[in-house]
C-alpha cells in the first residue's frame, strides 16, 4: 500500500488521505475485475462431489491435439 500511495518509507509510511484514496481505488479495481472473472468464467461446484469437480477441472485443462476439433 505504501508503494501505491507513493511513500518512500516502507517501514513506517506516513500516508495521507489524499494518498490512500487512489490506493484503495486501485485495490478496488482489481477486486471488481477478479469478481467479474469469477462470475463469467467460473463454474458452479455446488452439489457436486470432489471427484466430479476434479474430473471437470482435469477435462477443461486438457489440451486437444490439432487433429481434434
C-alpha atoms as a PDB file:
ATOM      1  CA  UNK A   1       0.000   0.000   0.000  1.00  0.00           C
ATOM      2  CA  UNK A   2       2.878   2.376   0.776  1.00  0.00           C
ATOM      3  CA  UNK A   3       4.340   1.924  -2.705  1.00  0.00           C
ATOM      4  CA  UNK A   4       0.987   2.635  -4.347  1.00  0.00           C
ATOM      5  CA  UNK A   5       0.438   5.648  -2.091  1.00  0.00           C
ATOM      6  CA  UNK A   6       3.837   6.996  -3.107  1.00  0.00           C
ATOM      7  CA  UNK A   7       5.595   6.792   0.251  1.00  0.00           C
ATOM      8  CA  UNK A   8       9.358   6.307   0.162  1.00  0.00           C
ATOM      9  CA  UNK A   9       9.443   4.924   3.732  1.00  0.00           C
ATOM     10  CA  UNK A  10       8.134   1.339   3.538  1.00  0.00           C
ATOM     11  CA  UNK A  11       8.671   0.585   7.250  1.00  0.00           C
ATOM     12  CA  UNK A  12       6.678   3.475   8.658  1.00  0.00           C
ATOM     13  CA  UNK A  13       4.814   5.209   5.832  1.00  0.00           C
ATOM     14  CA  UNK A  14       3.081   8.469   6.570  1.00  0.00           C
ATOM     15  CA  UNK A  15       0.091   8.037   4.293  1.00  0.00           C
ATOM     16  CA  UNK A  16      -2.367  10.879   3.995  1.00  0.00           C
ATOM     17  CA  UNK A  17      -5.994  10.628   2.978  1.00  0.00           C
ATOM     18  CA  UNK A  18      -5.087  12.130  -0.398  1.00  0.00           C
ATOM     19  CA  UNK A  19      -2.712   9.215  -0.994  1.00  0.00           C
ATOM     20  CA  UNK A  20      -4.976   6.479   0.391  1.00  0.00           C
ATOM     21  CA  UNK A  21      -7.973   7.170  -1.855  1.00  0.00           C
ATOM     22  CA  UNK A  22      -6.136   6.323  -5.120  1.00  0.00           C
ATOM     23  CA  UNK A  23      -4.532   3.278  -3.486  1.00  0.00           C
ATOM     24  CA  UNK A  24      -7.908   1.955  -2.326  1.00  0.00           C
ATOM     25  CA  UNK A  25      -9.368   2.651  -5.773  1.00  0.00           C
ATOM     26  CA  UNK A  26      -6.525   0.596  -7.267  1.00  0.00           C
ATOM     27  CA  UNK A  27      -7.249  -2.348  -4.961  1.00  0.00           C
ATOM     28  CA  UNK A  28     -10.982  -1.987  -5.564  1.00  0.00           C
ATOM     29  CA  UNK A  29     -10.478  -2.118  -9.337  1.00  0.00           C
ATOM     30  CA  UNK A  30      -8.600  -5.423  -9.105  1.00  0.00           C
ATOM     31  CA  UNK A  31     -11.198  -6.837  -6.698  1.00  0.00           C
ATOM     32  CA  UNK A  32     -14.034  -5.988  -9.105  1.00  0.00           C
ATOM     33  CA  UNK A  33     -12.067  -7.403 -12.046  1.00  0.00           C
ATOM     34  CA  UNK A  34     -11.469 -10.673 -10.161  1.00  0.00           C
ATOM     35  CA  UNK A  35     -15.140 -10.870  -9.148  1.00  0.00           C
ATOM     36  CA  UNK A  36     -16.247 -10.392 -12.761  1.00  0.00           C
ATOM     37  CA  UNK A  37     -13.801 -13.041 -13.957  1.00  0.00           C
ATOM     38  CA  UNK A  38     -15.097 -15.492 -11.365  1.00  0.00           C
ATOM     39  CA  UNK A  39     -18.690 -14.653 -12.303  1.00  0.00           C
ATOM     40  CA  UNK A  40     -18.292 -15.059 -16.064  1.00  0.00           C
ATOM     41  CA  UNK A  41     -15.520 -17.654 -16.303  1.00  0.00           C
ATOM     42  CA  UNK A  42     -16.061 -19.837 -13.270  1.00  0.00           C
ATOM     43  CA  UNK A  43     -18.247 -22.881 -12.845  1.00  0.00           C
ATOM     44  CA  UNK A  44     -20.572 -23.786 -10.002  1.00  0.00           C
ATOM     45  CA  UNK A  45     -19.259 -26.641  -7.818  1.00  0.00           C
ATOM     46  CA  UNK A  46     -22.360 -26.683  -5.569  1.00  0.00           C
ATOM     47  CA  UNK A  47     -23.983 -30.105  -5.372  1.00  0.00           C
ATOM     48  CA  UNK A  48     -21.035 -31.912  -6.983  1.00  0.00           C
ATOM     49  CA  UNK A  49     -18.688 -34.406  -5.403  1.00  0.00           C
ATOM     50  CA  UNK A  50     -14.947 -33.853  -5.183  1.00  0.00           C
ATOM     51  CA  UNK A  51     -14.453 -36.486  -7.891  1.00  0.00           C
ATOM     52  CA  UNK A  52     -16.861 -34.680 -10.249  1.00  0.00           C
ATOM     53  CA  UNK A  53     -15.120 -31.355  -9.657  1.00  0.00           C
ATOM     54  CA  UNK A  54     -11.706 -32.939 -10.180  1.00  0.00           C
ATOM     55  CA  UNK A  55     -12.870 -34.581 -13.398  1.00  0.00           C
ATOM     56  CA  UNK A  56     -14.313 -31.301 -14.658  1.00  0.00           C
ATOM     57  CA  UNK A  57     -11.107 -29.386 -13.909  1.00  0.00           C
ATOM     58  CA  UNK A  58      -8.869 -32.038 -15.432  1.00  0.00           C
ATOM     59  CA  UNK A  59     -11.070 -32.246 -18.512  1.00  0.00           C
ATOM     60  CA  UNK A  60     -11.169 -28.483 -19.060  1.00  0.00           C
ATOM     61  CA  UNK A  61      -7.389 -28.234 -18.759  1.00  0.00           C
ATOM     62  CA  UNK A  62      -6.783 -30.957 -21.334  1.00  0.00           C
ATOM     63  CA  UNK A  63      -5.128 -29.660 -24.471  1.00  0.00           C
ATOM     64  CA  UNK A  64      -6.739 -31.057 -27.595  1.00  0.00           C
ATOM     65  CA  UNK A  65      -4.436 -32.212 -30.369  1.00  0.00           C
ATOM     66  CA  UNK A  66      -4.597 -30.241 -33.599  1.00  0.00           C
ATOM     67  CA  UNK A  67      -6.469 -33.047 -35.392  1.00  0.00           C
ATOM     68  CA  UNK A  68      -9.361 -32.886 -32.865  1.00  0.00           C
ATOM     69  CA  UNK A  69     -11.892 -30.112 -33.241  1.00  0.00           C
END
